[in-house]
Amino acid sequence: MYLRHLNAPDKAKALYKDLVFNHADSIYFVEARKQFRRLRGDAIN
């Protein structure tokens, strides 16, 4: 939502980072990791 609707990529990145590093057992972990890497600028295969 922050990324697409509110045009706040920094806030989205912070929330994805929190989910990836603090909630690894979440069902959203894989998608959050992908989005976090994309926002960080990593190449995703």
PDB file of N, CA and C in Angstrom:
ATOM      1  N   MET A   1       0.827  -1.186   0.000  1.00  0.00           N
ATOM      2  CA  MET A   1       0.000   0.000   0.000  1.00  0.00           C
ATOM      3  C   MET A   1       0.876   1.258   0.000  1.00  0.00           C
ATOM      4  N   TYR A   2       1.897   1.283   0.849  1.00  0.00           N
ATOM      5  CA  TYR A   2       2.756   2.463   0.894  1.00  0.00           C
ATOM      6  C   TYR A   2       3.454   2.683  -0.435  1.00  0.00           C
ATOM      7  N   LEU A   3       3.845   1.604  -1.059  1.00  0.00           N
ATOM      8  CA  LEU A   3       4.582   1.725  -2.310  1.00  0.00           C
ATOM      9  C   LEU A   3       3.684   2.153  -3.456  1.00  0.00           C
ATOM     10  N   ARG A   4       2.553   1.515  -3.610  1.00  0.00           N
ATOM     11  CA  ARG A   4       1.700   1.750  -4.782  1.00  0.00           C
ATOM     12  C   ARG A   4       0.740   2.918  -4.616  1.00  0.00           C
ATOM     13  N   HIS A   5       0.054   2.987  -3.494  1.00  0.00           N
ATOM     14  CA  HIS A   5      -1.014   3.977  -3.342  1.00  0.00           C
ATOM     15  C   HIS A   5      -0.544   5.293  -2.720  1.00  0.00           C
ATOM     16  N   LEU A   6       0.397   5.213  -1.810  1.00  0.00           N
ATOM     17  CA  LEU A   6       0.818   6.426  -1.116  1.00  0.00           C
ATOM     18  C   LEU A   6       2.139   6.985  -1.635  1.00  0.00           C
ATOM     19  N   ASN A   7       2.753   6.284  -2.596  1.00  0.00           N
ATOM     20  CA  ASN A   7       4.014   6.718  -3.185  1.00  0.00           C
ATOM     21  C   ASN A   7       5.047   7.038  -2.105  1.00  0.00           C
ATOM     22  N   ALA A   8       5.214   6.096  -1.175  1.00  0.00           N
ATOM     23  CA  ALA A   8       6.178   6.248  -0.088  1.00  0.00           C
ATOM     24  C   ALA A   8       7.098   5.030  -0.050  1.00  0.00           C
ATOM     25  N   PRO A   9       8.013   4.931  -1.023  1.00  0.00           N
ATOM     26  CA  PRO A   9       8.866   3.736  -1.091  1.00  0.00           C
ATOM     27  C   PRO A   9       9.774   3.557   0.123  1.00  0.00           C
ATOM     28  N   ASP A  10      10.192   4.641   0.764  1.00  0.00           N
ATOM     29  CA  ASP A  10      11.044   4.507   1.946  1.00  0.00           C
ATOM     30  C   ASP A  10      10.286   3.862   3.102  1.00  0.00           C
ATOM     31  N   LYS A  11       9.040   4.253   3.275  1.00  0.00           N
ATOM     32  CA  LYS A  11       8.206   3.656   4.320  1.00  0.00           C
ATOM     33  C   LYS A  11       7.931   2.190   3.995  1.00  0.00           C
ATOM     34  N   ALA A  12       7.643   1.900   2.731  1.00  0.00           N
ATOM     35  CA  ALA A  12       7.400   0.518   2.308  1.00  0.00           C
ATOM     36  C   ALA A  12       8.644  -0.326   2.552  1.00  0.00           C
ATOM     37  N   LYS A  13       9.804   0.205   2.204  1.00  0.00           N
ATOM     38  CA  LYS A  13      11.060  -0.520   2.397  1.00  0.00           C
ATOM     39  C   LYS A  13      11.287  -0.822   3.878  1.00  0.00           C
ATOM     40  N   ALA A  14      11.009   0.132   4.741  1.00  0.00           N
ATOM     41  CA  ALA A  14      11.179  -0.072   6.181  1.00  0.00           C
ATOM     42  C   ALA A  14      10.239  -1.156   6.703  1.00  0.00           C
ATOM     43  N   LEU A  15       9.011  -1.157   6.221  1.00  0.00           N
ATOM     44  CA  LEU A  15       8.054  -2.167   6.670  1.00  0.00           C
ATOM     45  C   LEU A  15       8.411  -3.553   6.148  1.00  0.00           C
ATOM     46  N   TYR A  16       8.858  -3.642   4.885  1.00  0.00           N
ATOM     47  CA  TYR A  16       9.308  -4.928   4.345  1.00  0.00           C
ATOM     48  C   TYR A  16      10.522  -5.427   5.123  1.00  0.00           C
ATOM     49  N   LYS A  17      11.439  -4.534   5.441  1.00  0.00           N
ATOM     50  CA  LYS A  17      12.635  -4.916   6.198  1.00  0.00           C
ATOM     51  C   LYS A  17      12.247  -5.467   7.566  1.00  0.00           C
ATOM     52  N   ASP A  18      11.324  -4.815   8.232  1.00  0.00           N
ATOM     53  CA  ASP A  18      10.851  -5.288   9.532  1.00  0.00           C
ATOM     54  C   ASP A  18      10.247  -6.684   9.416  1.00  0.00           C
ATOM     55  N   LEU A  19       9.437  -6.888   8.404  1.00  0.00           N
ATOM     56  CA  LEU A  19       8.811  -8.194   8.216  1.00  0.00           C
ATOM     57  C   LEU A  19       9.861  -9.268   7.940  1.00  0.00           C
ATOM     58  N   VAL A  20      10.831  -8.960   7.093  1.00  0.00           N
ATOM     59  CA  VAL A  20      11.863  -9.939   6.729  1.00  0.00           C
ATOM     60  C   VAL A  20      12.737 -10.299   7.929  1.00  0.00           C
ATOM     61  N   PHE A  21      13.167  -9.313   8.689  1.00  0.00           N
ATOM     62  CA  PHE A  21      14.123  -9.577   9.763  1.00  0.00           C
ATOM     63  C   PHE A  21      13.480  -9.937  11.099  1.00  0.00           C
ATOM     64  N   ASN A  22      12.238  -9.562  11.316  1.00  0.00           N
ATOM     65  CA  ASN A  22      11.616  -9.820  12.617  1.00  0.00           C
ATOM     66  C   ASN A  22      10.465 -10.812  12.582  1.00  0.00           C
ATOM     67  N   HIS A  23      10.014 -11.173  11.399  1.00  0.00           N
ATOM     68  CA  HIS A  23       8.854 -12.063  11.288  1.00  0.00           C
ATOM     69  C   HIS A  23       9.088 -13.108  10.203  1.00  0.00           C
ATOM     70  N   ALA A  24      10.193 -13.825  10.315  1.00  0.00           N
ATOM     71  CA  ALA A  24      10.576 -14.802   9.289  1.00  0.00           C
ATOM     72  C   ALA A  24       9.589 -15.959   9.176  1.00  0.00           C
ATOM     73  N   ASP A  25       8.744 -16.142  10.175  1.00  0.00           N
ATOM     74  CA  ASP A  25       7.760 -17.226  10.129  1.00  0.00           C
ATOM     75  C   ASP A  25       6.433 -16.790   9.495  1.00  0.00           C
ATOM     76  N   SER A  26       6.374 -15.562   9.027  1.00  0.00           N
ATOM     77  CA  SER A  26       5.155 -15.037   8.410  1.00  0.00           C
ATOM     78  C   SER A  26       4.891 -15.679   7.051  1.00  0.00           C
ATOM     79  N   ILE A  27       3.624 -15.800   6.705  1.00  0.00           N
ATOM     80  CA  ILE A  27       3.266 -16.324   5.384  1.00  0.00           C
ATOM     81  C   ILE A  27       3.612 -15.318   4.285  1.00  0.00           C
ATOM     82  N   TYR A  28       3.885 -14.088   4.660  1.00  0.00           N
ATOM     83  CA  TYR A  28       4.231 -13.040   3.704  1.00  0.00           C
ATOM     84  C   TYR A  28       5.740 -12.866   3.540  1.00  0.00           C
ATOM     85  N   PHE A  29       6.529 -13.707   4.206  1.00  0.00           N
ATOM     86  CA  PHE A  29       7.983 -13.557   4.211  1.00  0.00           C
ATOM     87  C   PHE A  29       8.587 -13.557   2.810  1.00  0.00           C
ATOM     88  N   VAL A  30       8.240 -14.527   1.983  1.00  0.00           N
ATOM     89  CA  VAL A  30       8.853 -14.661   0.655  1.00  0.00           C
ATOM     90  C   VAL A  30       8.565 -13.434  -0.203  1.00  0.00           C
ATOM     91  N   GLU A  31       7.323 -13.003  -0.230  1.00  0.00           N
ATOM     92  CA  GLU A  31       6.968 -11.821  -1.028  1.00  0.00           C
ATOM     93  C   GLU A  31       7.611 -10.561  -0.455  1.00  0.00           C
ATOM     94  N   ALA A  32       7.650 -10.440   0.862  1.00  0.00           N
ATOM     95  CA  ALA A  32       8.281  -9.277   1.487  1.00  0.00           C
ATOM     96  C   ALA A  32       9.767  -9.228   1.158  1.00  0.00           C
ATOM     97  N   ARG A  33      10.427 -10.378   1.164  1.00  0.00           N
ATOM     98  CA  ARG A  33      11.850 -10.431   0.832  1.00  0.00           C
ATOM     99  C   ARG A  33      12.084  -9.987  -0.610  1.00  0.00           C
ATOM    100  N   LYS A  34      11.239 -10.447  -1.529  1.00  0.00           N
ATOM    101  CA  LYS A  34      11.359 -10.038  -2.935  1.00  0.00           C
ATOM    102  C   LYS A  34      11.196  -8.528  -3.077  1.00  0.00           C
ATOM    103  N   GLN A  35      10.154  -8.005  -2.454  1.00  0.00           N
ATOM    104  CA  GLN A  35       9.887  -6.569  -2.564  1.00  0.00           C
ATOM    105  C   GLN A  35      10.995  -5.746  -1.907  1.00  0.00           C
ATOM    106  N   PHE A  36      11.489  -6.202  -0.753  1.00  0.00           N
ATOM    107  CA  PHE A  36      12.565  -5.493  -0.065  1.00  0.00           C
ATOM    108  C   PHE A  36      13.812  -5.455  -0.935  1.00  0.00           C
ATOM    109  N   ARG A  37      14.156  -6.586  -1.545  1.00  0.00           N
ATOM    110  CA  ARG A  37      15.329  -6.629  -2.418  1.00  0.00           C
ATOM    111  C   ARG A  37      15.143  -5.726  -3.633  1.00  0.00           C
ATOM    112  N   ARG A  38      13.941  -5.713  -4.191  1.00  0.00           N
ATOM    113  CA  ARG A  38      13.673  -4.855  -5.349  1.00  0.00           C
ATOM    114  C   ARG A  38      13.823  -3.382  -4.973  1.00  0.00           C
ATOM    115  N   LEU A  39      13.278  -2.997  -3.835  1.00  0.00           N
ATOM    116  CA  LEU A  39      13.381  -1.607  -3.390  1.00  0.00           C
ATOM    117  C   LEU A  39      14.818  -1.224  -3.048  1.00  0.00           C
ATOM    118  N   ARG A  40      15.575  -2.199  -2.583  1.00  0.00           N
ATOM    119  CA  ARG A  40      16.970  -1.960  -2.233  1.00  0.00           C
ATOM    120  C   ARG A  40      17.845  -1.832  -3.475  1.00  0.00           C
ATOM    121  N   GLY A  41      17.345  -2.354  -4.601  1.00  0.00           N
ATOM    122  CA  GLY A  41      18.078  -2.242  -5.852  1.00  0.00           C
ATOM    123  C   GLY A  41      18.804  -3.499  -6.258  1.00  0.00           C
ATOM    124  N   ASP A  42      18.536  -4.603  -5.571  1.00  0.00           N
ATOM    125  CA  ASP A  42      19.179  -5.872  -5.918  1.00  0.00           C
ATOM    126  C   ASP A  42      18.585  -6.428  -7.200  1.00  0.00           C
ATOM    127  N   ALA A  43      19.407  -7.162  -7.939  1.00  0.00           N
ATOM    128  CA  ALA A  43      18.917  -7.871  -9.128  1.00  0.00           C
ATOM    129  C   ALA A  43      18.227  -9.146  -8.661  1.00  0.00           C
ATOM    130  N   ILE A  44      17.015  -9.375  -9.136  1.00  0.00           N
ATOM    131  CA  ILE A  44      16.248 -10.555  -8.746  1.00  0.00           C
ATOM    132  C   ILE A  44      16.088 -11.444  -9.961  1.00  0.00           C
ATOM    133  N   ASN A  45      16.433 -12.702  -9.783  1.00  0.00           N
ATOM    134  CA  ASN A  45      16.323 -13.667 -10.894  1.00  0.00           C
ATOM    135  C   ASN A  45      14.922 -14.177 -11.001  1.00  0.00           C
TER     136      ASN A  45
END
